[in-house]
Amino acid sequence: MAKQIWKPGNMIYPVPAVMVTVADKKGKVNIITVAWTGTICTNPPMAYISVKPERYSYSMLEETKEFVINLTTKELAFATDFCGVKSGREVDKFQKLCLTQGEAVKVEVPVIKESPVNIECRVTEQKELGSHTMFLAEVVAVQAENAYLDKNQRFDFAMAEPIVYSHGEYFCLGEKLGKFGYSVKKGQKEKGMLPMRIFPKEEYASGKSSAIKKGKRTGQI
């Protein structure tokens, strides 16, 4: 397989496309769409967002040190894009998009009630990295919509139809390929799960693979 050599750049795609709500100390609120976001720690639960200093929401983040990550869905795709291209200096995005402000549990920033999951965050550290400033934050509360909980009270992301962002385009997530650990689960094969070859077919056929010799089948052909 031939590959091209490109200049350094961010090629980790797709990424979440989330609507982040912020507010200043006077109660002015805004929604900003962010793609540079993610999990950074499990215990304590922590997340981050990276924002350009010229964005309208930047001063609000610096002032209150709080924000809410509102996960997005196929139904919210239009609003997600709008909040990324229109500035809060020009328009009240809640009003324009007919979105509903909900009350947060731990922070003084509203949540978007139409979002299936609202992740309330409190900034612990701010890092100026270049084009963007990273706001590292502790997750202090999470709200999840009852309509998307399965019979075991677990959140069903497939039902919510979440969207992701890649190179200027939005996509819905596709089919489920497997559960964590399914590749080494003994004696069971998840229905519809795709196998993965992790060593050459020739080695498997000849029995040369160390995994086969030890009787530990680490992949499926």
C-alpha atoms as a PDB file:
ATOM      1  CA  MET A   1       0.000   0.000   0.000  1.00  0.00           C
ATOM      2  CA  ALA A   2       1.354   3.403  -0.982  1.00  0.00           C
ATOM      3  CA  LYS A   3       1.055   6.375   1.356  1.00  0.00           C
ATOM      4  CA  GLN A   4       1.600  10.105   0.914  1.00  0.00           C
ATOM      5  CA  ILE A   5       3.657  12.167   3.343  1.00  0.00           C
ATOM      6  CA  TRP A   6       1.748  15.221   4.560  1.00  0.00           C
ATOM      7  CA  LYS A   7       2.794  18.131   6.723  1.00  0.00           C
ATOM      8  CA  PRO A   8       2.029  17.772  10.468  1.00  0.00           C
ATOM      9  CA  GLY A   9      -1.616  18.232  11.284  1.00  0.00           C
ATOM     10  CA  ASN A  10      -4.499  16.978  13.404  1.00  0.00           C
ATOM     11  CA  MET A  11      -5.668  13.810  11.676  1.00  0.00           C
ATOM     12  CA  ILE A  12      -7.392  12.150  14.618  1.00  0.00           C
ATOM     13  CA  TYR A  13     -10.896  11.834  13.201  1.00  0.00           C
ATOM     14  CA  PRO A  14     -13.793  11.530  13.711  1.00  0.00           C
ATOM     15  CA  VAL A  15     -14.250  13.593  16.865  1.00  0.00           C
ATOM     16  CA  PRO A  16     -17.298  14.504  18.948  1.00  0.00           C
ATOM     17  CA  ALA A  17     -19.287  17.542  17.855  1.00  0.00           C
ATOM     18  CA  VAL A  18     -20.751  18.973  21.061  1.00  0.00           C
ATOM     19  CA  MET A  19     -22.594  22.113  22.025  1.00  0.00           C
ATOM     20  CA  VAL A  20     -20.972  23.747  25.036  1.00  0.00           C
ATOM     21  CA  THR A  21     -22.991  26.137  27.151  1.00  0.00           C
ATOM     22  CA  VAL A  22     -21.253  28.956  29.010  1.00  0.00           C
ATOM     23  CA  ALA A  23     -22.295  32.002  31.011  1.00  0.00           C
ATOM     24  CA  ASP A  24     -20.770  35.119  32.529  1.00  0.00           C
ATOM     25  CA  LYS A  25     -21.300  36.373  36.070  1.00  0.00           C
ATOM     26  CA  LYS A  26     -24.087  38.721  34.928  1.00  0.00           C
ATOM     27  CA  GLY A  27     -26.139  35.833  33.586  1.00  0.00           C
ATOM     28  CA  LYS A  28     -25.410  36.283  29.881  1.00  0.00           C
ATOM     29  CA  VAL A  29     -25.374  32.816  28.281  1.00  0.00           C
ATOM     30  CA  ASN A  30     -24.083  31.410  25.013  1.00  0.00           C
ATOM     31  CA  ILE A  31     -23.711  28.150  23.115  1.00  0.00           C
ATOM     32  CA  ILE A  32     -20.476  27.318  21.313  1.00  0.00           C
ATOM     33  CA  THR A  33     -19.924  24.249  19.154  1.00  0.00           C
ATOM     34  CA  VAL A  34     -16.677  22.472  19.987  1.00  0.00           C
ATOM     35  CA  ALA A  35     -14.961  19.544  18.275  1.00  0.00           C
ATOM     36  CA  TRP A  36     -11.748  19.646  20.325  1.00  0.00           C
ATOM     37  CA  THR A  37     -13.117  17.899  23.400  1.00  0.00           C
ATOM     38  CA  GLY A  38     -12.796  14.583  25.169  1.00  0.00           C
ATOM     39  CA  THR A  39     -12.088  12.513  28.266  1.00  0.00           C
ATOM     40  CA  ILE A  40      -8.770  12.955  30.027  1.00  0.00           C
ATOM     41  CA  CYS A  41      -9.190  11.088  33.317  1.00  0.00           C
ATOM     42  CA  THR A  42     -11.497   8.498  34.906  1.00  0.00           C
ATOM     43  CA  ASN A  43     -10.880   9.104  38.596  1.00  0.00           C
ATOM     44  CA  PRO A  44     -11.596  11.896  39.209  1.00  0.00           C
ATOM     45  CA  PRO A  45     -13.748  12.156  36.089  1.00  0.00           C
ATOM     46  CA  MET A  46     -12.266  14.916  33.938  1.00  0.00           C
ATOM     47  CA  ALA A  47     -12.871  16.330  30.463  1.00  0.00           C
ATOM     48  CA  TYR A  48     -11.513  19.178  28.379  1.00  0.00           C
ATOM     49  CA  ILE A  49     -12.464  21.637  25.687  1.00  0.00           C
ATOM     50  CA  SER A  50     -10.072  23.700  23.561  1.00  0.00           C
ATOM     51  CA  VAL A  51     -11.234  27.150  22.451  1.00  0.00           C
ATOM     52  CA  LYS A  52      -9.668  29.942  20.414  1.00  0.00           C
ATOM     53  CA  PRO A  53      -9.179  33.166  22.439  1.00  0.00           C
ATOM     54  CA  GLU A  54     -11.065  35.194  19.827  1.00  0.00           C
ATOM     55  CA  ARG A  55     -14.283  33.227  20.348  1.00  0.00           C
ATOM     56  CA  TYR A  56     -17.083  35.124  22.099  1.00  0.00           C
ATOM     57  CA  SER A  57     -17.398  32.420  24.760  1.00  0.00           C
ATOM     58  CA  TYR A  58     -13.725  32.577  25.718  1.00  0.00           C
ATOM     59  CA  SER A  59     -14.087  35.456  28.193  1.00  0.00           C
ATOM     60  CA  MET A  60     -17.076  33.724  29.803  1.00  0.00           C
ATOM     61  CA  LEU A  61     -15.034  30.581  30.357  1.00  0.00           C
ATOM     62  CA  GLU A  62     -12.241  32.603  31.935  1.00  0.00           C
ATOM     63  CA  GLU A  63     -14.658  34.531  34.118  1.00  0.00           C
ATOM     64  CA  THR A  64     -16.784  31.757  35.621  1.00  0.00           C
ATOM     65  CA  LYS A  65     -14.533  28.691  35.095  1.00  0.00           C
ATOM     66  CA  GLU A  66     -17.612  26.580  34.374  1.00  0.00           C
ATOM     67  CA  PHE A  67     -19.204  25.018  31.294  1.00  0.00           C
ATOM     68  CA  VAL A  68     -21.566  22.236  30.251  1.00  0.00           C
ATOM     69  CA  ILE A  69     -20.822  19.761  27.458  1.00  0.00           C
ATOM     70  CA  ASN A  70     -24.132  18.943  25.764  1.00  0.00           C
ATOM     71  CA  LEU A  71     -23.956  15.856  23.551  1.00  0.00           C
ATOM     72  CA  THR A  72     -25.527  16.179  20.128  1.00  0.00           C
ATOM     73  CA  THR A  73     -27.748  13.990  17.973  1.00  0.00           C
ATOM     74  CA  LYS A  74     -28.935  13.690  14.396  1.00  0.00           C
ATOM     75  CA  GLU A  75     -31.938  15.788  15.371  1.00  0.00           C
ATOM     76  CA  LEU A  76     -29.637  18.512  16.724  1.00  0.00           C
ATOM     77  CA  ALA A  77     -27.277  18.549  13.723  1.00  0.00           C
ATOM     78  CA  PHE A  78     -28.612  21.851  12.334  1.00  0.00           C
ATOM     79  CA  ALA A  79     -28.342  23.556  15.728  1.00  0.00           C
ATOM     80  CA  THR A  80     -24.855  22.116  16.217  1.00  0.00           C
ATOM     81  CA  ASP A  81     -23.637  23.618  12.963  1.00  0.00           C
ATOM     82  CA  PHE A  82     -25.382  26.953  13.551  1.00  0.00           C
ATOM     83  CA  CYS A  83     -23.783  27.354  16.977  1.00  0.00           C
ATOM     84  CA  GLY A  84     -20.386  26.764  15.387  1.00  0.00           C
ATOM     85  CA  VAL A  85     -20.654  29.355  12.625  1.00  0.00           C
ATOM     86  CA  LYS A  86     -22.733  32.101  14.270  1.00  0.00           C
ATOM     87  CA  SER A  87     -21.328  34.253  17.055  1.00  0.00           C
ATOM     88  CA  GLY A  88     -23.128  34.955  20.305  1.00  0.00           C
ATOM     89  CA  ARG A  89     -22.182  38.575  19.771  1.00  0.00           C
ATOM     90  CA  GLU A  90     -24.756  38.701  16.976  1.00  0.00           C
ATOM     91  CA  VAL A  91     -27.563  36.367  18.022  1.00  0.00           C
ATOM     92  CA  ASP A  92     -29.198  34.719  21.021  1.00  0.00           C
ATOM     93  CA  LYS A  93     -28.738  31.103  19.978  1.00  0.00           C
ATOM     94  CA  PHE A  94     -31.195  29.652  22.481  1.00  0.00           C
ATOM     95  CA  GLN A  95     -33.918  31.924  21.149  1.00  0.00           C
ATOM     96  CA  LYS A  96     -33.009  31.618  17.476  1.00  0.00           C
ATOM     97  CA  LEU A  97     -32.905  27.812  17.544  1.00  0.00           C
ATOM     98  CA  CYS A  98     -35.851  27.373  19.951  1.00  0.00           C
ATOM     99  CA  LEU A  99     -33.625  25.482  22.375  1.00  0.00           C
ATOM    100  CA  THR A 100     -34.601  25.216  26.024  1.00  0.00           C
ATOM    101  CA  GLN A 101     -32.413  26.296  28.908  1.00  0.00           C
ATOM    102  CA  GLY A 102     -32.436  23.749  31.708  1.00  0.00           C
ATOM    103  CA  GLU A 103     -31.103  24.057  35.233  1.00  0.00           C
ATOM    104  CA  ALA A 104     -27.751  22.512  36.024  1.00  0.00           C
ATOM    105  CA  VAL A 105     -27.198  20.541  39.216  1.00  0.00           C
ATOM    106  CA  LYS A 106     -23.759  21.778  40.275  1.00  0.00           C
ATOM    107  CA  VAL A 107     -22.762  24.734  38.065  1.00  0.00           C
ATOM    108  CA  GLU A 108     -24.240  28.159  37.329  1.00  0.00           C
ATOM    109  CA  VAL A 109     -24.448  27.474  33.604  1.00  0.00           C
ATOM    110  CA  PRO A 110     -27.649  26.277  31.890  1.00  0.00           C
ATOM    111  CA  VAL A 111     -27.899  22.920  30.139  1.00  0.00           C
ATOM    112  CA  ILE A 112     -29.598  22.341  26.781  1.00  0.00           C
ATOM    113  CA  LYS A 113     -32.684  20.299  27.605  1.00  0.00           C
ATOM    114  CA  GLU A 114     -32.948  18.898  24.060  1.00  0.00           C
ATOM    115  CA  SER A 115     -29.503  17.301  24.442  1.00  0.00           C
ATOM    116  CA  PRO A 116     -29.596  13.653  25.608  1.00  0.00           C
ATOM    117  CA  VAL A 117     -26.646  14.068  27.972  1.00  0.00           C
ATOM    118  CA  ASN A 118     -25.418  17.173  29.809  1.00  0.00           C
ATOM    119  CA  ILE A 119     -21.963  16.998  31.393  1.00  0.00           C
ATOM    120  CA  GLU A 120     -21.407  19.726  33.957  1.00  0.00           C
ATOM    121  CA  CYS A 121     -17.774  20.790  34.283  1.00  0.00           C
ATOM    122  CA  ARG A 122     -15.706  23.034  36.545  1.00  0.00           C
ATOM    123  CA  VAL A 123     -12.348  24.246  35.213  1.00  0.00           C
ATOM    124  CA  THR A 124      -9.295  23.193  37.210  1.00  0.00           C
ATOM    125  CA  GLU A 125      -6.562  24.321  34.837  1.00  0.00           C
ATOM    126  CA  GLN A 126      -6.177  26.530  31.787  1.00  0.00           C
ATOM    127  CA  LYS A 127      -3.377  25.916  29.269  1.00  0.00           C
ATOM    128  CA  GLU A 128      -2.513  28.318  26.466  1.00  0.00           C
ATOM    129  CA  LEU A 129      -1.156  26.031  23.753  1.00  0.00           C
ATOM    130  CA  GLY A 130      -1.051  28.222  20.635  1.00  0.00           C
ATOM    131  CA  SER A 131      -4.080  28.652  18.403  1.00  0.00           C
ATOM    132  CA  HIS A 132      -6.265  27.199  21.170  1.00  0.00           C
ATOM    133  CA  THR A 133      -6.455  27.323  24.945  1.00  0.00           C
ATOM    134  CA  MET A 134      -7.282  24.066  26.685  1.00  0.00           C
ATOM    135  CA  PHE A 135      -9.690  24.201  29.615  1.00  0.00           C
ATOM    136  CA  LEU A 136      -9.198  21.098  31.746  1.00  0.00           C
ATOM    137  CA  ALA A 137     -12.152  20.479  34.015  1.00  0.00           C
ATOM    138  CA  GLU A 138     -13.565  18.117  36.590  1.00  0.00           C
ATOM    139  CA  VAL A 139     -16.941  16.601  35.769  1.00  0.00           C
ATOM    140  CA  VAL A 140     -19.140  17.511  38.728  1.00  0.00           C
ATOM    141  CA  ALA A 141     -22.520  16.208  37.508  1.00  0.00           C
ATOM    142  CA  VAL A 142     -24.149  14.411  34.577  1.00  0.00           C
ATOM    143  CA  GLN A 143     -27.771  14.538  33.429  1.00  0.00           C
ATOM    144  CA  ALA A 144     -29.083  11.802  31.114  1.00  0.00           C
ATOM    145  CA  GLU A 145     -32.436  11.730  29.310  1.00  0.00           C
ATOM    146  CA  ASN A 146     -34.732   8.928  30.530  1.00  0.00           C
ATOM    147  CA  ALA A 147     -36.012   8.265  27.015  1.00  0.00           C
ATOM    148  CA  TYR A 148     -32.604   6.882  25.979  1.00  0.00           C
ATOM    149  CA  LEU A 149     -32.110   4.466  28.877  1.00  0.00           C
ATOM    150  CA  ASP A 150     -32.379   0.749  28.142  1.00  0.00           C
ATOM    151  CA  LYS A 151     -33.999  -1.885  30.372  1.00  0.00           C
ATOM    152  CA  ASN A 152     -30.831  -2.020  32.490  1.00  0.00           C
ATOM    153  CA  GLN A 153     -30.885   1.767  32.948  1.00  0.00           C
ATOM    154  CA  ARG A 154     -27.806   2.158  30.781  1.00  0.00           C
ATOM    155  CA  PHE A 155     -27.635   4.936  28.223  1.00  0.00           C
ATOM    156  CA  ASP A 156     -28.300   3.634  24.691  1.00  0.00           C
ATOM    157  CA  PHE A 157     -26.222   5.799  22.350  1.00  0.00           C
ATOM    158  CA  ALA A 158     -27.546   4.059  19.238  1.00  0.00           C
ATOM    159  CA  MET A 159     -31.063   5.089  20.168  1.00  0.00           C
ATOM    160  CA  ALA A 160     -29.957   8.723  20.592  1.00  0.00           C
ATOM    161  CA  GLU A 161     -28.304   8.772  17.136  1.00  0.00           C
ATOM    162  CA  PRO A 162     -25.214  10.792  18.117  1.00  0.00           C
ATOM    163  CA  ILE A 163     -23.218  12.669  15.498  1.00  0.00           C
ATOM    164  CA  VAL A 164     -19.487  13.152  14.965  1.00  0.00           C
ATOM    165  CA  TYR A 165     -17.367  15.613  13.005  1.00  0.00           C
ATOM    166  CA  SER A 166     -14.670  14.847  10.442  1.00  0.00           C
ATOM    167  CA  HIS A 167     -12.842  17.279   8.145  1.00  0.00           C
ATOM    168  CA  GLY A 168     -15.643  19.831   8.009  1.00  0.00           C
ATOM    169  CA  GLU A 169     -18.492  17.302   7.760  1.00  0.00           C
ATOM    170  CA  TYR A 170     -20.977  15.748  10.186  1.00  0.00           C
ATOM    171  CA  PHE A 171     -21.749  12.026  10.304  1.00  0.00           C
ATOM    172  CA  CYS A 172     -24.040   9.715  12.240  1.00  0.00           C
ATOM    173  CA  LEU A 173     -22.330   6.818  13.959  1.00  0.00           C
ATOM    174  CA  GLY A 174     -22.582   3.487  12.146  1.00  0.00           C
ATOM    175  CA  GLU A 175     -23.202  -0.069  13.252  1.00  0.00           C
ATOM    176  CA  LYS A 176     -21.827  -1.498  16.464  1.00  0.00           C
ATOM    177  CA  LEU A 177     -18.769  -3.674  15.801  1.00  0.00           C
ATOM    178  CA  GLY A 178     -18.195  -5.147  19.220  1.00  0.00           C
ATOM    179  CA  LYS A 179     -18.126  -4.719  22.969  1.00  0.00           C
ATOM    180  CA  PHE A 180     -14.951  -3.969  24.876  1.00  0.00           C
ATOM    181  CA  GLY A 181     -13.051  -7.247  25.378  1.00  0.00           C
ATOM    182  CA  TYR A 182     -15.037  -9.287  22.831  1.00  0.00           C
ATOM    183  CA  SER A 183     -11.830 -10.192  20.952  1.00  0.00           C
ATOM    184  CA  VAL A 184     -10.561 -12.309  23.852  1.00  0.00           C
ATOM    185  CA  LYS A 185     -13.842 -13.578  25.259  1.00  0.00           C
ATOM    186  CA  LYS A 186     -13.634 -17.385  25.470  1.00  0.00           C
ATOM    187  CA  GLY A 187     -16.284 -19.623  23.998  1.00  0.00           C
ATOM    188  CA  GLN A 188     -18.554 -16.792  22.962  1.00  0.00           C
ATOM    189  CA  LYS A 189     -19.037 -14.857  19.774  1.00  0.00           C
ATOM    190  CA  GLU A 190     -21.158 -11.746  19.857  1.00  0.00           C
ATOM    191  CA  LYS A 191     -23.910 -11.772  17.269  1.00  0.00           C
ATOM    192  CA  GLY A 192     -23.006  -9.468  14.425  1.00  0.00           C
ATOM    193  CA  MET A 193     -19.516  -8.726  15.773  1.00  0.00           C
ATOM    194  CA  LEU A 194     -16.806  -8.507  13.154  1.00  0.00           C
ATOM    195  CA  PRO A 195     -13.691 -10.694  13.506  1.00  0.00           C
ATOM    196  CA  MET A 196     -10.232  -9.171  13.365  1.00  0.00           C
ATOM    197  CA  ARG A 197      -7.043 -10.713  12.004  1.00  0.00           C
ATOM    198  CA  ILE A 198      -4.105  -9.670  14.158  1.00  0.00           C
ATOM    199  CA  PHE A 199      -1.454 -11.957  12.717  1.00  0.00           C
ATOM    200  CA  PRO A 200      -0.763 -13.118   9.130  1.00  0.00           C
ATOM    201  CA  LYS A 201      -3.098 -15.721   7.653  1.00  0.00           C
ATOM    202  CA  GLU A 202      -0.108 -17.861   6.695  1.00  0.00           C
ATOM    203  CA  GLU A 203       1.032 -18.092  10.311  1.00  0.00           C
ATOM    204  CA  TYR A 204      -2.425 -19.115  11.418  1.00  0.00           C
ATOM    205  CA  ALA A 205      -2.678 -21.820   8.741  1.00  0.00           C
ATOM    206  CA  SER A 206       0.762 -23.246   9.554  1.00  0.00           C
ATOM    207  CA  GLY A 207       0.389 -23.023  13.308  1.00  0.00           C
ATOM    208  CA  LYS A 208       3.538 -20.920  13.620  1.00  0.00           C
ATOM    209  CA  SER A 209       1.900 -18.179  15.620  1.00  0.00           C
ATOM    210  CA  SER A 210       3.028 -18.159  19.266  1.00  0.00           C
ATOM    211  CA  ALA A 211      -0.556 -17.445  20.283  1.00  0.00           C
ATOM    212  CA  ILE A 212      -1.739 -20.625  18.543  1.00  0.00           C
ATOM    213  CA  LYS A 213       1.085 -22.742  20.004  1.00  0.00           C
ATOM    214  CA  LYS A 214       0.085 -21.683  23.499  1.00  0.00           C
ATOM    215  CA  GLY A 215      -3.515 -22.466  22.781  1.00  0.00           C
ATOM    216  CA  LYS A 216      -4.500 -18.838  23.151  1.00  0.00           C
ATOM    217  CA  ARG A 217      -6.396 -17.747  20.117  1.00  0.00           C
ATOM    218  CA  THR A 218      -6.123 -13.976  20.247  1.00  0.00           C
ATOM    219  CA  GLY A 219      -7.961 -13.261  17.011  1.00  0.00           C
ATOM    220  CA  GLN A 220     -10.308 -14.778  14.471  1.00  0.00           C
ATOM    221  CA  ILE A 221      -9.569 -15.524  10.832  1.00  0.00           C
END
